[in-house]
C-alpha atoms as a PDB file:
ATOM      1  CA  UNK A   1      19.302 -33.556  21.749  1.00  0.00           C
ATOM      2  CA  UNK A   2      20.518 -34.342  17.484  1.00  0.00           C
ATOM      3  CA  UNK A   3      19.380 -31.884  15.102  1.00  0.00           C
ATOM      4  CA  UNK A   4      16.589 -33.996  13.351  1.00  0.00           C
ATOM      5  CA  UNK A   5      15.711 -34.075  17.365  1.00  0.00           C
ATOM      6  CA  UNK A   6      15.409 -30.637  17.108  1.00  0.00           C
ATOM      7  CA  UNK A   7      13.518 -30.058  13.990  1.00  0.00           C
ATOM      8  CA  UNK A   8      10.580 -32.586  15.078  1.00  0.00           C
ATOM      9  CA  UNK A   9      10.445 -30.194  18.251  1.00  0.00           C
ATOM     10  CA  UNK A  10       9.842 -26.645  16.135  1.00  0.00           C
ATOM     11  CA  UNK A  11       8.566 -27.760  13.401  1.00  0.00           C
ATOM     12  CA  UNK A  12       4.282 -27.769  14.297  1.00  0.00           C
ATOM     13  CA  UNK A  13       3.466 -29.707  10.910  1.00  0.00           C
ATOM     14  CA  UNK A  14       5.998 -33.021  11.302  1.00  0.00           C
ATOM     15  CA  UNK A  15       5.009 -33.561  15.197  1.00  0.00           C
ATOM     16  CA  UNK A  16       1.560 -33.944  14.299  1.00  0.00           C
ATOM     17  CA  UNK A  17       2.117 -35.943  11.258  1.00  0.00           C
ATOM     18  CA  UNK A  18       4.378 -38.283  14.122  1.00  0.00           C
ATOM     19  CA  UNK A  19       1.295 -38.461  16.531  1.00  0.00           C
ATOM     20  CA  UNK A  20      -0.718 -39.284  13.670  1.00  0.00           C
ATOM     21  CA  UNK A  21       0.993 -41.855  12.858  1.00  0.00           C
ATOM     22  CA  UNK A  22       1.649 -43.580  15.476  1.00  0.00           C
ATOM     23  CA  UNK A  23      -1.566 -42.794  17.066  1.00  0.00           C
ATOM     24  CA  UNK A  24      -3.361 -44.140  14.034  1.00  0.00           C
ATOM     25  CA  UNK A  25      -0.538 -47.618  14.100  1.00  0.00           C
ATOM     26  CA  UNK A  26      -1.867 -47.858  17.790  1.00  0.00           C
ATOM     27  CA  UNK A  27      -5.543 -47.762  17.459  1.00  0.00           C
ATOM     28  CA  UNK A  28      -5.114 -49.523  13.962  1.00  0.00           C
ATOM     29  CA  UNK A  29      -3.958 -52.259  16.208  1.00  0.00           C
ATOM     30  CA  UNK A  30      -6.549 -52.175  18.755  1.00  0.00           C
ATOM     31  CA  UNK A  31      -9.556 -52.651  15.980  1.00  0.00           C
ATOM     32  CA  UNK A  32      -7.836 -54.758  13.845  1.00  0.00           C
ATOM     33  CA  UNK A  33      -9.720 -57.799  14.759  1.00  0.00           C
ATOM     34  CA  UNK A  34     -12.865 -55.867  12.974  1.00  0.00           C
ATOM     35  CA  UNK A  35     -11.229 -56.574   9.903  1.00  0.00           C
ATOM     36  CA  UNK A  36     -11.110 -52.786   9.151  1.00  0.00           C
ATOM     37  CA  UNK A  37      -8.003 -50.068   9.363  1.00  0.00           C
ATOM     38  CA  UNK A  38      -9.061 -46.995  11.943  1.00  0.00           C
ATOM     39  CA  UNK A  39      -9.303 -44.844   8.763  1.00  0.00           C
ATOM     40  CA  UNK A  40     -12.027 -46.970   7.172  1.00  0.00           C
ATOM     41  CA  UNK A  41     -13.570 -47.509  10.499  1.00  0.00           C
ATOM     42  CA  UNK A  42     -13.667 -43.637  11.163  1.00  0.00           C
ATOM     43  CA  UNK A  43     -15.192 -43.270   7.523  1.00  0.00           C
ATOM     44  CA  UNK A  44     -18.120 -45.985   8.424  1.00  0.00           C
ATOM     45  CA  UNK A  45     -18.557 -43.539  11.346  1.00  0.00           C
ATOM     46  CA  UNK A  46     -19.088 -41.018   9.460  1.00  0.00           C
ATOM     47  CA  UNK A  47     -21.272 -42.324   6.798  1.00  0.00           C
ATOM     48  CA  UNK A  48     -23.101 -43.871   9.723  1.00  0.00           C
ATOM     49  CA  UNK A  49     -24.486 -40.285  11.313  1.00  0.00           C
ATOM     50  CA  UNK A  50     -26.479 -40.164   8.119  1.00  0.00           C
ATOM     51  CA  UNK A  51     -28.395 -42.681   8.444  1.00  0.00           C
ATOM     52  CA  UNK A  52     -30.596 -44.830   5.924  1.00  0.00           C
ATOM     53  CA  UNK A  53     -30.433 -41.199   3.825  1.00  0.00           C
ATOM     54  CA  UNK A  54     -26.521 -41.350   3.085  1.00  0.00           C
ATOM     55  CA  UNK A  55     -24.461 -38.361   2.636  1.00  0.00           C
ATOM     56  CA  UNK A  56     -23.230 -37.155  -0.549  1.00  0.00           C
ATOM     57  CA  UNK A  57     -20.098 -37.855  -1.100  1.00  0.00           C
ATOM     58  CA  UNK A  58     -18.237 -34.043  -1.582  1.00  0.00           C
ATOM     59  CA  UNK A  59     -19.606 -33.110   1.997  1.00  0.00           C
ATOM     60  CA  UNK A  60     -18.195 -36.165   3.645  1.00  0.00           C
ATOM     61  CA  UNK A  61     -14.641 -35.381   1.508  1.00  0.00           C
ATOM     62  CA  UNK A  62     -14.359 -31.984   3.020  1.00  0.00           C
ATOM     63  CA  UNK A  63     -15.233 -33.218   6.441  1.00  0.00           C
ATOM     64  CA  UNK A  64     -12.597 -35.409   6.297  1.00  0.00           C
ATOM     65  CA  UNK A  65     -10.349 -33.403   4.282  1.00  0.00           C
ATOM     66  CA  UNK A  66     -10.042 -35.505   1.334  1.00  0.00           C
ATOM     67  CA  UNK A  67     -10.433 -34.692  -2.329  1.00  0.00           C
ATOM     68  CA  UNK A  68     -12.985 -37.000  -4.057  1.00  0.00           C
ATOM     69  CA  UNK A  69     -10.500 -39.238  -5.786  1.00  0.00           C
ATOM     70  CA  UNK A  70      -9.117 -40.152  -2.350  1.00  0.00           C
ATOM     71  CA  UNK A  71     -12.041 -40.705  -1.240  1.00  0.00           C
ATOM     72  CA  UNK A  72     -13.344 -42.321  -3.767  1.00  0.00           C
ATOM     73  CA  UNK A  73     -10.424 -44.797  -3.747  1.00  0.00           C
ATOM     74  CA  UNK A  74     -10.946 -45.268   0.360  1.00  0.00           C
ATOM     75  CA  UNK A  75     -14.250 -46.397  -0.784  1.00  0.00           C
ATOM     76  CA  UNK A  76     -14.111 -48.580  -3.536  1.00  0.00           C
ATOM     77  CA  UNK A  77     -12.641 -51.809  -0.648  1.00  0.00           C
ATOM     78  CA  UNK A  78     -15.800 -50.703   1.409  1.00  0.00           C
ATOM     79  CA  UNK A  79     -18.310 -50.772  -1.566  1.00  0.00           C
ATOM     80  CA  UNK A  80     -15.995 -54.125  -2.452  1.00  0.00           C
ATOM     81  CA  UNK A  81     -16.949 -55.552   0.344  1.00  0.00           C
ATOM     82  CA  UNK A  82     -20.507 -54.883   0.935  1.00  0.00           C
ATOM     83  CA  UNK A  83     -20.108 -52.406   3.591  1.00  0.00           C
ATOM     84  CA  UNK A  84     -21.519 -49.831   1.926  1.00  0.00           C
ATOM     85  CA  UNK A  85     -23.281 -48.533  -0.925  1.00  0.00           C
ATOM     86  CA  UNK A  86     -23.207 -45.372  -3.918  1.00  0.00           C
ATOM     87  CA  UNK A  87     -26.310 -44.294  -4.958  1.00  0.00           C
ATOM     88  CA  UNK A  88     -27.543 -41.416  -7.176  1.00  0.00           C
ATOM     89  CA  UNK A  89     -29.559 -38.247  -5.339  1.00  0.00           C
ATOM     90  CA  UNK A  90     -33.221 -38.597  -5.478  1.00  0.00           C
ATOM     91  CA  UNK A  91     -32.971 -34.583  -6.640  1.00  0.00           C
ATOM     92  CA  UNK A  92     -30.160 -34.673  -8.541  1.00  0.00           C
ATOM     93  CA  UNK A  93     -28.560 -37.611 -10.411  1.00  0.00           C
ATOM     94  CA  UNK A  94     -25.775 -36.039 -10.865  1.00  0.00           C
ATOM     95  CA  UNK A  95     -24.737 -36.223  -6.705  1.00  0.00           C
ATOM     96  CA  UNK A  96     -23.460 -38.906  -5.470  1.00  0.00           C
ATOM     97  CA  UNK A  97     -24.476 -40.364  -1.900  1.00  0.00           C
ATOM     98  CA  UNK A  98     -22.912 -43.183   0.503  1.00  0.00           C
ATOM     99  CA  UNK A  99     -24.783 -45.149   3.003  1.00  0.00           C
ATOM    100  CA  UNK A 100     -23.774 -48.176   4.946  1.00  0.00           C
ATOM    101  CA  UNK A 101     -25.631 -51.589   4.090  1.00  0.00           C
ATOM    102  CA  UNK A 102     -26.686 -53.969   6.427  1.00  0.00           C
ATOM    103  CA  UNK A 103     -23.741 -55.693   6.468  1.00  0.00           C
ATOM    104  CA  UNK A 104     -21.657 -52.421   7.485  1.00  0.00           C
ATOM    105  CA  UNK A 105     -24.023 -51.002  10.836  1.00  0.00           C
ATOM    106  CA  UNK A 106     -22.704 -54.181  12.073  1.00  0.00           C
ATOM    107  CA  UNK A 107     -19.102 -53.744  11.002  1.00  0.00           C
ATOM    108  CA  UNK A 108     -18.526 -50.119  11.944  1.00  0.00           C
ATOM    109  CA  UNK A 109     -20.381 -51.436  15.163  1.00  0.00           C
ATOM    110  CA  UNK A 110     -18.192 -54.336  15.797  1.00  0.00           C
ATOM    111  CA  UNK A 111     -15.383 -51.858  15.357  1.00  0.00           C
ATOM    112  CA  UNK A 112     -16.871 -49.307  17.288  1.00  0.00           C
ATOM    113  CA  UNK A 113     -16.969 -51.564  20.682  1.00  0.00           C
ATOM    114  CA  UNK A 114     -13.080 -51.977  19.783  1.00  0.00           C
ATOM    115  CA  UNK A 115     -12.587 -48.322  19.584  1.00  0.00           C
ATOM    116  CA  UNK A 116     -14.275 -47.460  23.138  1.00  0.00           C
ATOM    117  CA  UNK A 117     -11.194 -49.643  23.900  1.00  0.00           C
ATOM    118  CA  UNK A 118      -8.589 -47.688  22.252  1.00  0.00           C
ATOM    119  CA  UNK A 119     -10.163 -44.523  23.114  1.00  0.00           C
ATOM    120  CA  UNK A 120     -10.003 -45.134  26.828  1.00  0.00           C
ATOM    121  CA  UNK A 121      -6.334 -46.223  26.636  1.00  0.00           C
ATOM    122  CA  UNK A 122      -5.643 -43.034  25.320  1.00  0.00           C
ATOM    123  CA  UNK A 123      -7.893 -40.588  27.602  1.00  0.00           C
ATOM    124  CA  UNK A 124      -5.926 -43.033  30.599  1.00  0.00           C
ATOM    125  CA  UNK A 125      -2.334 -42.105  29.217  1.00  0.00           C
ATOM    126  CA  UNK A 126      -3.258 -38.686  28.241  1.00  0.00           C
ATOM    127  CA  UNK A 127      -6.298 -37.763  30.752  1.00  0.00           C
ATOM    128  CA  UNK A 128      -9.616 -37.377  29.999  1.00  0.00           C
ATOM    129  CA  UNK A 129      -9.578 -33.319  29.517  1.00  0.00           C
ATOM    130  CA  UNK A 130      -6.074 -33.021  27.834  1.00  0.00           C
ATOM    131  CA  UNK A 131      -7.693 -35.535  25.581  1.00  0.00           C
ATOM    132  CA  UNK A 132     -11.115 -33.359  25.007  1.00  0.00           C
ATOM    133  CA  UNK A 133      -8.603 -29.879  24.704  1.00  0.00           C
ATOM    134  CA  UNK A 134      -6.372 -31.616  21.858  1.00  0.00           C
ATOM    135  CA  UNK A 135      -9.279 -32.499  20.076  1.00  0.00           C
ATOM    136  CA  UNK A 136     -11.012 -29.578  19.980  1.00  0.00           C
ATOM    137  CA  UNK A 137      -7.323 -27.570  18.861  1.00  0.00           C
ATOM    138  CA  UNK A 138      -6.636 -30.428  16.347  1.00  0.00           C
ATOM    139  CA  UNK A 139     -10.385 -29.465  15.276  1.00  0.00           C
ATOM    140  CA  UNK A 140      -9.298 -25.829  14.435  1.00  0.00           C
ATOM    141  CA  UNK A 141      -7.037 -26.668  12.366  1.00  0.00           C
ATOM    142  CA  UNK A 142      -8.407 -29.291  10.659  1.00  0.00           C
ATOM    143  CA  UNK A 143     -11.185 -26.427   9.836  1.00  0.00           C
ATOM    144  CA  UNK A 144     -11.242 -24.835   6.164  1.00  0.00           C
ATOM    145  CA  UNK A 145     -11.402 -21.280   8.259  1.00  0.00           C
ATOM    146  CA  UNK A 146      -7.360 -21.971   9.158  1.00  0.00           C
ATOM    147  CA  UNK A 147      -6.835 -23.191   5.216  1.00  0.00           C
ATOM    148  CA  UNK A 148      -8.295 -20.293   4.295  1.00  0.00           C
ATOM    149  CA  UNK A 149      -5.970 -18.344   6.886  1.00  0.00           C
ATOM    150  CA  UNK A 150      -2.773 -20.133   6.476  1.00  0.00           C
ATOM    151  CA  UNK A 151      -3.039 -19.750   2.857  1.00  0.00           C
ATOM    152  CA  UNK A 152      -3.386 -15.730   3.120  1.00  0.00           C
ATOM    153  CA  UNK A 153      -0.295 -14.492   3.338  1.00  0.00           C
ATOM    154  CA  UNK A 154      -0.196 -11.435   6.327  1.00  0.00           C
END
């Protein structure tokens, strides 16, 4: 084993980043016929959960562990392609909300069918139970409580 392989095996950050890049590329390949990237599909799927009322941008960004500017950058091409729309909150016009348009709903559904194939491939190779366990573990790592605890010095 080379020195660099040893670093990857002992650095959780490097291991997760490498795995995320590879898995992202693999899922992107499967959902490519939809014209979406995996990140765009995930974003549309999160927005779809909010329905016609849409979702405020700030909690959406927080849930995706993104800052608002990164979220805005990711939303622009989807808004340009009329897959989603931004609009002011009816109770607080300073708050922006986002919802899927009819073409966005159709595009998310198209990509969802392809995503099911990617997810089935992962589950078949990794095992459905282990797949669920890894998602649970990664949910912990991506939680605000984990970040707060990590940042505090022991």
